[in-house]
Amino acid sequence: MAQHQIAATQSKDMSASPAPRSTADELVVVADFAAAEQAVTRGVDSARLVVLAGQEEAAARAAAAQGIAAGHGPTPTRPHAAPWRTLVVIPTYNEKDNLEPIVAAIHRYLDTDVLIVDDGSPDGTGAIADRLAAADPRIHVLHRQGKQGLGTAYLAGFAFALQRGYERVCEMDADFSHAPWDLPRLVMASKDSELVIGSRYVRGGCTVGWDFRRRLLSRGANLYTRFTIGSGVRDNTAGFRCFWASALAKLDLAAVSAQGYAFQIEMAYRMVRAGFRVREIPIHFIDRQVGKSKMDGKIAREALLLVPKLRFRVPRS
């Protein structure tokens, strides 16, 4: 397979594209998703971005303004439709307050199926997932016994997608850290890249609401990973991703050993070592407003110890 290519959006030549148009209420209107990436890379907040993609401009602008006023973000006149059969995998553990709103938000922006992988949440998240699935054939649920970890939840989601013929598989948190209006950008950017990462650490990306300690931990983990394994990926721990299902089918997923956030590091490295194209697009990562973070010292130690071993565990294809 061809040698991997890392394509961060800040490397794109943006001189040939017309500048986005701002309205009086600070909305930024662009014609398509390629122009959207250029705009966000230049510093436009995607929370004010209207991507026409076939919508009539006046109606799109009005719908976006109404969505922002309602606290939903720049809602399109209709959910965007990707040309690939897409599945969004959401692992959950005690997310009863977030689950229904995040699924509704996903469907507000993208016409997609959703798989909820619940690890026996004692707060009733699983029952909410079942109720949502009973009301909407696009929603599916996998129930697992006990808290088994982020990595195995996503691997279960990948297996579900491969068995059912999906063409794109997305990872997304349930806590609104990943803006739902960025999901269509993520999927559309996968046209020419087998893995697209919603990145905090390319031009146009950032974190919102983090204290200094968490910023230092995240930046340090990514610098450590980049210099240790040299993958070329800037945001190795990001959990907002879109994979080609055909690429996942070619990986040895049974050999993936990481659980917590180290799983994201390992999967990105396996994609790079397999020669797949990896692209990073900028996002604003917002700290969760409801519920508690799953990050702890055990997860951080796993990542620290795993990274040096990856060079020897993951062969280059």
C-alpha atoms as a PDB file:
ATOM      1  CA  MET A   1       0.000   0.000   0.000  1.00  0.00           C
ATOM      2  CA  ALA A   2       1.230   3.511  -0.671  1.00  0.00           C
ATOM      3  CA  GLN A   3       3.204   5.334   1.974  1.00  0.00           C
ATOM      4  CA  HIS A   4       0.956   7.236   4.358  1.00  0.00           C
ATOM      5  CA  GLN A   5       0.155  10.897   3.874  1.00  0.00           C
ATOM      6  CA  ILE A   6      -0.679  13.286   6.690  1.00  0.00           C
ATOM      7  CA  ALA A   7      -2.816  16.194   5.488  1.00  0.00           C
ATOM      8  CA  ALA A   8      -3.567  18.892   8.052  1.00  0.00           C
ATOM      9  CA  THR A   9      -5.776  21.634   6.784  1.00  0.00           C
ATOM     10  CA  GLN A  10      -3.256  24.352   7.495  1.00  0.00           C
ATOM     11  CA  SER A  11      -1.158  23.060   4.588  1.00  0.00           C
ATOM     12  CA  LYS A  12      -3.863  23.750   2.017  1.00  0.00           C
ATOM     13  CA  ASP A  13      -3.486  26.574  -0.489  1.00  0.00           C
ATOM     14  CA  MET A  14      -6.468  28.806   0.228  1.00  0.00           C
ATOM     15  CA  SER A  15      -5.696  31.669  -2.141  1.00  0.00           C
ATOM     16  CA  ALA A  16      -7.956  30.426  -4.959  1.00  0.00           C
ATOM     17  CA  SER A  17     -11.136  30.337  -2.854  1.00  0.00           C
ATOM     18  CA  PRO A  18     -13.406  33.360  -2.479  1.00  0.00           C
ATOM     19  CA  ALA A  19     -13.666  34.785   1.014  1.00  0.00           C
ATOM     20  CA  PRO A  20     -16.696  33.690   3.032  1.00  0.00           C
ATOM     21  CA  ARG A  21     -19.504  36.225   3.336  1.00  0.00           C
ATOM     22  CA  SER A  22     -20.481  37.518   6.781  1.00  0.00           C
ATOM     23  CA  THR A  23     -23.998  38.672   7.543  1.00  0.00           C
ATOM     24  CA  ALA A  24     -24.888  41.442   9.947  1.00  0.00           C
ATOM     25  CA  ASP A  25     -25.413  38.910  12.757  1.00  0.00           C
ATOM     26  CA  GLU A  26     -21.904  37.451  12.255  1.00  0.00           C
ATOM     27  CA  LEU A  27     -22.947  34.367  10.335  1.00  0.00           C
ATOM     28  CA  VAL A  28     -20.380  33.237   7.778  1.00  0.00           C
ATOM     29  CA  VAL A  29     -21.847  31.689   4.620  1.00  0.00           C
ATOM     30  CA  VAL A  30     -19.819  29.319   2.420  1.00  0.00           C
ATOM     31  CA  ALA A  31     -20.848  27.346  -0.629  1.00  0.00           C
ATOM     32  CA  ASP A  32     -19.602  23.869   0.286  1.00  0.00           C
ATOM     33  CA  PHE A  33     -17.593  21.833   2.757  1.00  0.00           C
ATOM     34  CA  ALA A  34     -14.263  22.461   1.041  1.00  0.00           C
ATOM     35  CA  ALA A  35     -14.808  26.187   1.559  1.00  0.00           C
ATOM     36  CA  ALA A  36     -15.899  25.482   5.132  1.00  0.00           C
ATOM     37  CA  GLU A  37     -12.529  23.876   5.916  1.00  0.00           C
ATOM     38  CA  GLN A  38     -10.689  26.859   4.501  1.00  0.00           C
ATOM     39  CA  ALA A  39     -12.818  29.235   6.554  1.00  0.00           C
ATOM     40  CA  VAL A  40     -12.324  27.375   9.842  1.00  0.00           C
ATOM     41  CA  THR A  41      -8.592  27.118   9.210  1.00  0.00           C
ATOM     42  CA  ARG A  42      -8.518  30.898   8.755  1.00  0.00           C
ATOM     43  CA  GLY A  43     -10.087  31.307  12.175  1.00  0.00           C
ATOM     44  CA  VAL A  44     -13.849  31.275  11.583  1.00  0.00           C
ATOM     45  CA  ASP A  45     -15.686  29.619  14.481  1.00  0.00           C
ATOM     46  CA  SER A  46     -17.735  26.749  13.028  1.00  0.00           C
ATOM     47  CA  ALA A  47     -20.481  27.659  15.496  1.00  0.00           C
ATOM     48  CA  ARG A  48     -21.218  30.655  13.217  1.00  0.00           C
ATOM     49  CA  LEU A  49     -20.670  28.851   9.914  1.00  0.00           C
ATOM     50  CA  VAL A  50     -23.437  28.217   7.368  1.00  0.00           C
ATOM     51  CA  VAL A  51     -22.514  25.585   4.779  1.00  0.00           C
ATOM     52  CA  LEU A  52     -24.975  25.827   1.908  1.00  0.00           C
ATOM     53  CA  ALA A  53     -24.209  22.499   0.195  1.00  0.00           C
ATOM     54  CA  GLY A  54     -27.329  22.820  -1.945  1.00  0.00           C
ATOM     55  CA  GLN A  55     -29.489  24.838   0.452  1.00  0.00           C
ATOM     56  CA  GLU A  56     -31.074  28.095  -0.665  1.00  0.00           C
ATOM     57  CA  GLU A  57     -29.012  30.848   0.930  1.00  0.00           C
ATOM     58  CA  ALA A  58     -31.704  32.978   2.519  1.00  0.00           C
ATOM     59  CA  ALA A  59     -33.442  29.938   4.010  1.00  0.00           C
ATOM     60  CA  ALA A  60     -30.128  28.483   5.202  1.00  0.00           C
ATOM     61  CA  ARG A  61     -29.135  31.726   6.868  1.00  0.00           C
ATOM     62  CA  ALA A  62     -32.524  32.009   8.576  1.00  0.00           C
ATOM     63  CA  ALA A  63     -32.421  28.385   9.793  1.00  0.00           C
ATOM     64  CA  ALA A  64     -28.882  28.838  11.152  1.00  0.00           C
ATOM     65  CA  ALA A  65     -29.800  32.021  12.992  1.00  0.00           C
ATOM     66  CA  GLN A  66     -32.861  30.348  14.472  1.00  0.00           C
ATOM     67  CA  GLY A  67     -30.788  27.338  15.568  1.00  0.00           C
ATOM     68  CA  ILE A  68     -28.200  29.546  17.250  1.00  0.00           C
ATOM     69  CA  ALA A  69     -30.916  31.510  19.037  1.00  0.00           C
ATOM     70  CA  ALA A  70     -32.354  28.214  20.323  1.00  0.00           C
ATOM     71  CA  GLY A  71     -28.937  27.106  21.592  1.00  0.00           C
ATOM     72  CA  HIS A  72     -28.482  24.385  18.962  1.00  0.00           C
ATOM     73  CA  GLY A  73     -25.800  25.952  16.767  1.00  0.00           C
ATOM     74  CA  PRO A  74     -26.073  26.814  13.043  1.00  0.00           C
ATOM     75  CA  THR A  75     -28.842  24.377  12.097  1.00  0.00           C
ATOM     76  CA  PRO A  76     -29.254  23.607   8.367  1.00  0.00           C
ATOM     77  CA  THR A  77     -32.629  23.666   6.643  1.00  0.00           C
ATOM     78  CA  ARG A  78     -32.332  19.887   6.444  1.00  0.00           C
ATOM     79  CA  PRO A  79     -29.708  17.423   7.727  1.00  0.00           C
ATOM     80  CA  HIS A  80     -26.722  17.116   5.420  1.00  0.00           C
ATOM     81  CA  ALA A  81     -26.531  13.799   3.557  1.00  0.00           C
ATOM     82  CA  ALA A  82     -23.163  12.123   2.959  1.00  0.00           C
ATOM     83  CA  PRO A  83     -22.655  10.004  -0.168  1.00  0.00           C
ATOM     84  CA  TRP A  84     -21.588   7.094   2.034  1.00  0.00           C
ATOM     85  CA  ARG A  85     -23.612   4.933   4.399  1.00  0.00           C
ATOM     86  CA  THR A  86     -22.416   6.263   7.737  1.00  0.00           C
ATOM     87  CA  LEU A  87     -22.543   5.062  11.344  1.00  0.00           C
ATOM     88  CA  VAL A  88     -21.747   7.259  14.352  1.00  0.00           C
ATOM     89  CA  VAL A  89     -20.601   5.207  17.356  1.00  0.00           C
ATOM     90  CA  ILE A  90     -21.214   6.729  20.800  1.00  0.00           C
ATOM     91  CA  PRO A  91     -19.833   4.867  23.852  1.00  0.00           C
ATOM     92  CA  THR A  92     -21.773   5.683  27.014  1.00  0.00           C
ATOM     93  CA  TYR A  93     -21.372   5.217  30.742  1.00  0.00           C
ATOM     94  CA  ASN A  94     -23.656   7.291  32.965  1.00  0.00           C
ATOM     95  CA  GLU A  95     -24.702   9.767  30.270  1.00  0.00           C
ATOM     96  CA  LYS A  96     -28.449   9.890  30.991  1.00  0.00           C
ATOM     97  CA  ASP A  97     -28.567  13.682  30.808  1.00  0.00           C
ATOM     98  CA  ASN A  98     -26.596  13.917  27.558  1.00  0.00           C
ATOM     99  CA  LEU A  99     -27.714  10.951  25.486  1.00  0.00           C
ATOM    100  CA  GLU A 100     -31.082  12.055  24.125  1.00  0.00           C
ATOM    101  CA  PRO A 101     -29.911  15.634  23.353  1.00  0.00           C
ATOM    102  CA  ILE A 102     -26.731  14.474  21.580  1.00  0.00           C
ATOM    103  CA  VAL A 103     -28.583  11.968  19.377  1.00  0.00           C
ATOM    104  CA  ALA A 104     -31.142  14.626  18.452  1.00  0.00           C
ATOM    105  CA  ALA A 105     -28.312  17.060  17.699  1.00  0.00           C
ATOM    106  CA  ILE A 106     -26.526  14.553  15.467  1.00  0.00           C
ATOM    107  CA  HIS A 107     -29.679  14.008  13.427  1.00  0.00           C
ATOM    108  CA  ARG A 108     -30.214  17.765  13.240  1.00  0.00           C
ATOM    109  CA  TYR A 109     -26.983  18.084  11.240  1.00  0.00           C
ATOM    110  CA  LEU A 110     -26.361  14.741   9.516  1.00  0.00           C
ATOM    111  CA  ASP A 111     -28.593  12.038   8.078  1.00  0.00           C
ATOM    112  CA  THR A 112     -26.843   9.056   9.640  1.00  0.00           C
ATOM    113  CA  ASP A 113     -27.303   5.934  11.717  1.00  0.00           C
ATOM    114  CA  VAL A 114     -26.193   6.016  15.352  1.00  0.00           C
ATOM    115  CA  LEU A 115     -24.913   3.138  17.482  1.00  0.00           C
ATOM    116  CA  ILE A 116     -24.972   3.583  21.271  1.00  0.00           C
ATOM    117  CA  VAL A 117     -22.595   1.228  23.085  1.00  0.00           C
ATOM    118  CA  ASP A 118     -23.589   1.285  26.748  1.00  0.00           C
ATOM    119  CA  ASP A 119     -21.501  -0.387  29.434  1.00  0.00           C
ATOM    120  CA  GLY A 120     -24.294  -1.200  31.863  1.00  0.00           C
ATOM    121  CA  SER A 121     -24.692   2.393  33.070  1.00  0.00           C
ATOM    122  CA  PRO A 122     -26.230   2.324  36.562  1.00  0.00           C
ATOM    123  CA  ASP A 123     -27.906   5.704  35.948  1.00  0.00           C
ATOM    124  CA  GLY A 124     -30.354   4.339  33.365  1.00  0.00           C
ATOM    125  CA  THR A 125     -28.575   5.450  30.197  1.00  0.00           C
ATOM    126  CA  GLY A 126     -29.193   2.038  28.630  1.00  0.00           C
ATOM    127  CA  ALA A 127     -32.961   2.295  29.100  1.00  0.00           C
ATOM    128  CA  ILE A 128     -32.951   5.722  27.443  1.00  0.00           C
ATOM    129  CA  ALA A 129     -30.967   4.251  24.542  1.00  0.00           C
ATOM    130  CA  ASP A 130     -33.525   1.468  24.129  1.00  0.00           C
ATOM    131  CA  ARG A 131     -36.379   3.980  24.099  1.00  0.00           C
ATOM    132  CA  LEU A 132     -34.664   6.052  21.422  1.00  0.00           C
ATOM    133  CA  ALA A 133     -33.949   2.961  19.301  1.00  0.00           C
ATOM    134  CA  ALA A 134     -37.563   1.801  19.551  1.00  0.00           C
ATOM    135  CA  ALA A 135     -38.722   5.154  18.156  1.00  0.00           C
ATOM    136  CA  ASP A 136     -36.171   5.559  15.348  1.00  0.00           C
ATOM    137  CA  PRO A 137     -34.807   2.799  13.063  1.00  0.00           C
ATOM    138  CA  ARG A 138     -31.615   4.807  12.551  1.00  0.00           C
ATOM    139  CA  ILE A 139     -30.647   4.273  16.205  1.00  0.00           C
ATOM    140  CA  HIS A 140     -29.102   1.014  17.418  1.00  0.00           C
ATOM    141  CA  VAL A 141     -27.937  -0.120  20.861  1.00  0.00           C
ATOM    142  CA  LEU A 142     -25.312  -2.555  22.120  1.00  0.00           C
ATOM    143  CA  HIS A 143     -25.542  -3.394  25.830  1.00  0.00           C
ATOM    144  CA  ARG A 144     -22.413  -4.637  27.583  1.00  0.00           C
ATOM    145  CA  GLN A 145     -21.990  -5.874  31.135  1.00  0.00           C
ATOM    146  CA  GLY A 146     -19.948  -3.508  33.274  1.00  0.00           C
ATOM    147  CA  LYS A 147     -17.482  -0.791  32.434  1.00  0.00           C
ATOM    148  CA  GLN A 148     -15.180  -2.421  29.854  1.00  0.00           C
ATOM    149  CA  GLY A 149     -13.358   0.611  28.511  1.00  0.00           C
ATOM    150  CA  LEU A 150     -13.466   3.017  25.604  1.00  0.00           C
ATOM    151  CA  GLY A 151     -11.288   0.879  23.345  1.00  0.00           C
ATOM    152  CA  THR A 152     -13.426  -2.247  23.461  1.00  0.00           C
ATOM    153  CA  ALA A 153     -16.568  -0.137  23.026  1.00  0.00           C
ATOM    154  CA  TYR A 154     -15.249   1.293  19.771  1.00  0.00           C
ATOM    155  CA  LEU A 155     -13.999  -2.105  18.607  1.00  0.00           C
ATOM    156  CA  ALA A 156     -17.502  -3.468  19.178  1.00  0.00           C
ATOM    157  CA  GLY A 157     -18.843  -0.544  17.167  1.00  0.00           C
ATOM    158  CA  PHE A 158     -16.377  -1.206  14.340  1.00  0.00           C
ATOM    159  CA  ALA A 159     -17.443  -4.870  14.225  1.00  0.00           C
ATOM    160  CA  PHE A 160     -21.112  -3.823  14.113  1.00  0.00           C
ATOM    161  CA  ALA A 161     -20.393  -1.471  11.199  1.00  0.00           C
ATOM    162  CA  LEU A 162     -18.387  -4.018   9.210  1.00  0.00           C
ATOM    163  CA  GLN A 163     -21.027  -6.708   9.644  1.00  0.00           C
ATOM    164  CA  ARG A 164     -23.737  -4.395   8.337  1.00  0.00           C
ATOM    165  CA  GLY A 165     -22.021  -2.862   5.348  1.00  0.00           C
ATOM    166  CA  TYR A 166     -21.454   0.716   6.504  1.00  0.00           C
ATOM    167  CA  GLU A 167     -18.908   2.706   4.497  1.00  0.00           C
ATOM    168  CA  ARG A 168     -17.929   5.319   7.096  1.00  0.00           C
ATOM    169  CA  VAL A 169     -17.611   4.861  10.855  1.00  0.00           C
ATOM    170  CA  CYS A 170     -17.377   7.867  13.158  1.00  0.00           C
ATOM    171  CA  GLU A 171     -16.303   8.150  16.778  1.00  0.00           C
ATOM    172  CA  MET A 172     -17.978  10.820  18.887  1.00  0.00           C
ATOM    173  CA  ASP A 173     -18.372  11.579  22.597  1.00  0.00           C
ATOM    174  CA  ALA A 174     -21.814  11.835  24.170  1.00  0.00           C
ATOM    175  CA  ASP A 175     -21.029  14.913  26.254  1.00  0.00           C
ATOM    176  CA  PHE A 176     -21.099  17.656  23.567  1.00  0.00           C
ATOM    177  CA  SER A 177     -17.318  18.098  23.728  1.00  0.00           C
ATOM    178  CA  HIS A 178     -17.498  17.469  19.985  1.00  0.00           C
ATOM    179  CA  ALA A 179     -19.784  20.024  18.371  1.00  0.00           C
ATOM    180  CA  PRO A 180     -22.530  18.192  16.438  1.00  0.00           C
ATOM    181  CA  TRP A 181     -22.424  20.814  13.651  1.00  0.00           C
ATOM    182  CA  ASP A 182     -18.833  19.708  12.973  1.00  0.00           C
ATOM    183  CA  LEU A 183     -19.924  16.124  12.239  1.00  0.00           C
ATOM    184  CA  PRO A 184     -20.851  16.772   8.565  1.00  0.00           C
ATOM    185  CA  ARG A 185     -17.452  18.480   8.091  1.00  0.00           C
ATOM    186  CA  LEU A 186     -15.729  15.421   9.532  1.00  0.00           C
ATOM    187  CA  VAL A 187     -17.554  12.968   7.276  1.00  0.00           C
ATOM    188  CA  MET A 188     -17.286  15.050   4.082  1.00  0.00           C
ATOM    189  CA  ALA A 189     -13.535  15.477   4.641  1.00  0.00           C
ATOM    190  CA  SER A 190     -13.167  11.686   4.380  1.00  0.00           C
ATOM    191  CA  LYS A 191     -13.619  11.741   0.598  1.00  0.00           C
ATOM    192  CA  ASP A 192      -9.874  11.378   0.015  1.00  0.00           C
ATOM    193  CA  SER A 193      -8.603  10.268   3.456  1.00  0.00           C
ATOM    194  CA  GLU A 194      -9.165   6.938   5.142  1.00  0.00           C
ATOM    195  CA  LEU A 195      -9.002   8.602   8.565  1.00  0.00           C
ATOM    196  CA  VAL A 196     -10.135  12.131   9.396  1.00  0.00           C
ATOM    197  CA  ILE A 197      -9.417  13.507  12.863  1.00  0.00           C
ATOM    198  CA  GLY A 198     -11.193  16.476  14.411  1.00  0.00           C
ATOM    199  CA  SER A 199      -8.046  18.115  15.733  1.00  0.00           C
ATOM    200  CA  ARG A 200      -7.427  20.675  18.469  1.00  0.00           C
ATOM    201  CA  TYR A 201      -3.816  21.142  17.418  1.00  0.00           C
ATOM    202  CA  VAL A 202      -3.899  22.241  13.796  1.00  0.00           C
ATOM    203  CA  ARG A 203      -4.425  25.830  12.708  1.00  0.00           C
ATOM    204  CA  GLY A 204      -7.980  26.876  13.509  1.00  0.00           C
ATOM    205  CA  GLY A 205      -8.390  24.286  16.290  1.00  0.00           C
ATOM    206  CA  CYS A 206      -8.436  24.925  20.041  1.00  0.00           C
ATOM    207  CA  THR A 207      -9.800  23.837  23.416  1.00  0.00           C
ATOM    208  CA  VAL A 208     -12.440  25.789  25.342  1.00  0.00           C
ATOM    209  CA  GLY A 209     -12.980  25.694  29.097  1.00  0.00           C
ATOM    210  CA  TRP A 210      -9.859  23.779  30.100  1.00  0.00           C
ATOM    211  CA  ASP A 211      -7.691  24.776  33.034  1.00  0.00           C
ATOM    212  CA  PHE A 212      -3.908  25.069  32.691  1.00  0.00           C
ATOM    213  CA  ARG A 213      -3.252  21.598  34.106  1.00  0.00           C
ATOM    214  CA  ARG A 214      -5.480  19.852  31.581  1.00  0.00           C
ATOM    215  CA  ARG A 215      -4.050  21.871  28.693  1.00  0.00           C
ATOM    216  CA  LEU A 216      -0.544  20.952  29.803  1.00  0.00           C
ATOM    217  CA  LEU A 217      -1.439  17.261  30.137  1.00  0.00           C
ATOM    218  CA  SER A 218      -3.036  17.090  26.683  1.00  0.00           C
ATOM    219  CA  ARG A 219      -0.321  19.076  24.920  1.00  0.00           C
ATOM    220  CA  GLY A 220       2.377  17.097  26.692  1.00  0.00           C
ATOM    221  CA  ALA A 221       0.802  13.745  25.793  1.00  0.00           C
ATOM    222  CA  ASN A 222       0.590  14.695  22.128  1.00  0.00           C
ATOM    223  CA  LEU A 223       4.132  16.064  21.962  1.00  0.00           C
ATOM    224  CA  TYR A 224       5.417  12.939  23.718  1.00  0.00           C
ATOM    225  CA  THR A 225       3.561  10.716  21.245  1.00  0.00           C
ATOM    226  CA  ARG A 226       4.681  12.652  18.165  1.00  0.00           C
ATOM    227  CA  PHE A 227       8.337  12.602  19.119  1.00  0.00           C
ATOM    228  CA  THR A 228       8.309   8.998  20.338  1.00  0.00           C
ATOM    229  CA  ILE A 229       6.630   7.298  17.373  1.00  0.00           C
ATOM    230  CA  GLY A 230       6.885   9.997  14.687  1.00  0.00           C
ATOM    231  CA  SER A 231       3.467   9.375  13.161  1.00  0.00           C
ATOM    232  CA  GLY A 232       3.036  12.942  11.904  1.00  0.00           C
ATOM    233  CA  VAL A 233      -0.370  13.229  13.586  1.00  0.00           C
ATOM    234  CA  ARG A 234      -0.690  16.352  15.734  1.00  0.00           C
ATOM    235  CA  ASP A 235      -3.727  15.339  17.825  1.00  0.00           C
ATOM    236  CA  ASN A 236      -3.187  11.662  18.590  1.00  0.00           C
ATOM    237  CA  THR A 237      -5.590  11.535  21.541  1.00  0.00           C
ATOM    238  CA  ALA A 238      -8.553  13.110  19.749  1.00  0.00           C
ATOM    239  CA  GLY A 239     -11.777  11.133  19.989  1.00  0.00           C
ATOM    240  CA  PHE A 240     -13.691  12.784  17.125  1.00  0.00           C
ATOM    241  CA  ARG A 241     -12.893  10.711  14.025  1.00  0.00           C
ATOM    242  CA  CYS A 242     -14.187   9.278  10.779  1.00  0.00           C
ATOM    243  CA  PHE A 243     -12.774   6.020   9.372  1.00  0.00           C
ATOM    244  CA  TRP A 244     -13.352   4.292   6.079  1.00  0.00           C
ATOM    245  CA  ALA A 245     -14.897   0.940   7.001  1.00  0.00           C
ATOM    246  CA  SER A 246     -12.843  -0.677   4.235  1.00  0.00           C
ATOM    247  CA  ALA A 247      -9.661   0.539   5.948  1.00  0.00           C
ATOM    248  CA  LEU A 248     -10.749  -0.812   9.332  1.00  0.00           C
ATOM    249  CA  ALA A 249     -11.389  -4.170   7.659  1.00  0.00           C
ATOM    250  CA  LYS A 250      -7.737  -4.330   6.622  1.00  0.00           C
ATOM    251  CA  LEU A 251      -6.360  -3.673  10.115  1.00  0.00           C
ATOM    252  CA  ASP A 252      -5.653  -6.380  12.669  1.00  0.00           C
ATOM    253  CA  LEU A 253      -8.213  -5.074  15.138  1.00  0.00           C
ATOM    254  CA  ALA A 254      -7.843  -8.186  17.296  1.00  0.00           C
ATOM    255  CA  ALA A 255      -4.300  -7.033  18.069  1.00  0.00           C
ATOM    256  CA  VAL A 256      -5.396  -3.627  19.437  1.00  0.00           C
ATOM    257  CA  SER A 257      -4.487  -3.703  23.121  1.00  0.00           C
ATOM    258  CA  ALA A 258      -5.171  -0.206  24.451  1.00  0.00           C
ATOM    259  CA  GLN A 259      -8.292   0.671  26.378  1.00  0.00           C
ATOM    260  CA  GLY A 260      -8.810   4.289  27.582  1.00  0.00           C
ATOM    261  CA  TYR A 261      -7.587   7.248  25.581  1.00  0.00           C
ATOM    262  CA  ALA A 262      -4.484   5.322  24.562  1.00  0.00           C
ATOM    263  CA  PHE A 263      -6.820   3.522  22.177  1.00  0.00           C
ATOM    264  CA  GLN A 264      -6.973   6.682  20.059  1.00  0.00           C
ATOM    265  CA  ILE A 265      -3.181   6.849  19.916  1.00  0.00           C
ATOM    266  CA  GLU A 266      -2.913   3.212  18.880  1.00  0.00           C
ATOM    267  CA  MET A 267      -5.611   3.416  16.205  1.00  0.00           C
ATOM    268  CA  ALA A 268      -4.094   6.512  14.596  1.00  0.00           C
ATOM    269  CA  TYR A 269      -0.677   4.848  14.564  1.00  0.00           C
ATOM    270  CA  ARG A 270      -2.059   1.635  13.077  1.00  0.00           C
ATOM    271  CA  MET A 271      -3.694   3.623  10.282  1.00  0.00           C
ATOM    272  CA  VAL A 272      -0.429   5.443   9.562  1.00  0.00           C
ATOM    273  CA  ARG A 273       1.654   2.259   9.647  1.00  0.00           C
ATOM    274  CA  ALA A 274      -0.817   0.591   7.273  1.00  0.00           C
ATOM    275  CA  GLY A 275      -0.166   3.352   4.749  1.00  0.00           C
ATOM    276  CA  PHE A 276      -3.574   5.007   4.946  1.00  0.00           C
ATOM    277  CA  ARG A 277      -4.086   8.724   4.414  1.00  0.00           C
ATOM    278  CA  VAL A 278      -4.763  10.698   7.598  1.00  0.00           C
ATOM    279  CA  ARG A 279      -6.194  14.192   7.572  1.00  0.00           C
ATOM    280  CA  GLU A 280      -6.718  16.534  10.502  1.00  0.00           C
ATOM    281  CA  ILE A 281      -9.398  19.227  10.375  1.00  0.00           C
ATOM    282  CA  PRO A 282      -9.658  21.947  13.036  1.00  0.00           C
ATOM    283  CA  ILE A 283     -12.305  21.838  15.744  1.00  0.00           C
ATOM    284  CA  HIS A 284     -13.072  23.766  18.911  1.00  0.00           C
ATOM    285  CA  PHE A 285     -13.125  21.160  21.685  1.00  0.00           C
ATOM    286  CA  ILE A 286     -15.471  22.276  24.471  1.00  0.00           C
ATOM    287  CA  ASP A 287     -15.183  20.868  27.979  1.00  0.00           C
ATOM    288  CA  ARG A 288     -18.234  18.884  29.042  1.00  0.00           C
ATOM    289  CA  GLN A 289     -20.989  20.839  30.801  1.00  0.00           C
ATOM    290  CA  VAL A 290     -22.936  17.897  32.244  1.00  0.00           C
ATOM    291  CA  GLY A 291     -21.544  14.778  33.915  1.00  0.00           C
ATOM    292  CA  LYS A 292     -18.034  13.842  34.969  1.00  0.00           C
ATOM    293  CA  SER A 293     -14.934  13.302  32.848  1.00  0.00           C
ATOM    294  CA  LYS A 294     -13.789   9.685  32.462  1.00  0.00           C
ATOM    295  CA  MET A 295     -10.105  10.691  32.462  1.00  0.00           C
ATOM    296  CA  ASP A 296      -8.099   9.405  35.432  1.00  0.00           C
ATOM    297  CA  GLY A 297      -4.519   8.541  36.384  1.00  0.00           C
ATOM    298  CA  LYS A 298      -4.821   4.930  35.220  1.00  0.00           C
ATOM    299  CA  ILE A 299      -5.792   6.037  31.717  1.00  0.00           C
ATOM    300  CA  ALA A 300      -2.897   8.512  31.566  1.00  0.00           C
ATOM    301  CA  ARG A 301      -0.391   5.873  32.734  1.00  0.00           C
ATOM    302  CA  GLU A 302      -1.630   3.419  30.106  1.00  0.00           C
ATOM    303  CA  ALA A 303      -0.938   5.947  27.369  1.00  0.00           C
ATOM    304  CA  LEU A 304       2.499   6.797  28.775  1.00  0.00           C
ATOM    305  CA  LEU A 305       3.577   3.159  28.848  1.00  0.00           C
ATOM    306  CA  LEU A 306       1.986   2.116  25.561  1.00  0.00           C
ATOM    307  CA  VAL A 307       3.503   4.665  23.192  1.00  0.00           C
ATOM    308  CA  PRO A 308       7.135   3.384  23.188  1.00  0.00           C
ATOM    309  CA  LYS A 309       5.910  -0.160  22.532  1.00  0.00           C
ATOM    310  CA  LEU A 310       3.888   0.695  19.453  1.00  0.00           C
ATOM    311  CA  ARG A 311       6.897   0.810  17.106  1.00  0.00           C
ATOM    312  CA  PHE A 312       7.558  -2.852  17.866  1.00  0.00           C
ATOM    313  CA  ARG A 313       3.935  -4.033  18.084  1.00  0.00           C
ATOM    314  CA  VAL A 314       2.604  -2.458  14.896  1.00  0.00           C
ATOM    315  CA  PRO A 315       4.350  -3.528  11.677  1.00  0.00           C
ATOM    316  CA  ARG A 316       4.479  -1.244   8.656  1.00  0.00           C
ATOM    317  CA  SER A 317       2.416  -2.427   5.703  1.00  0.00           C
END
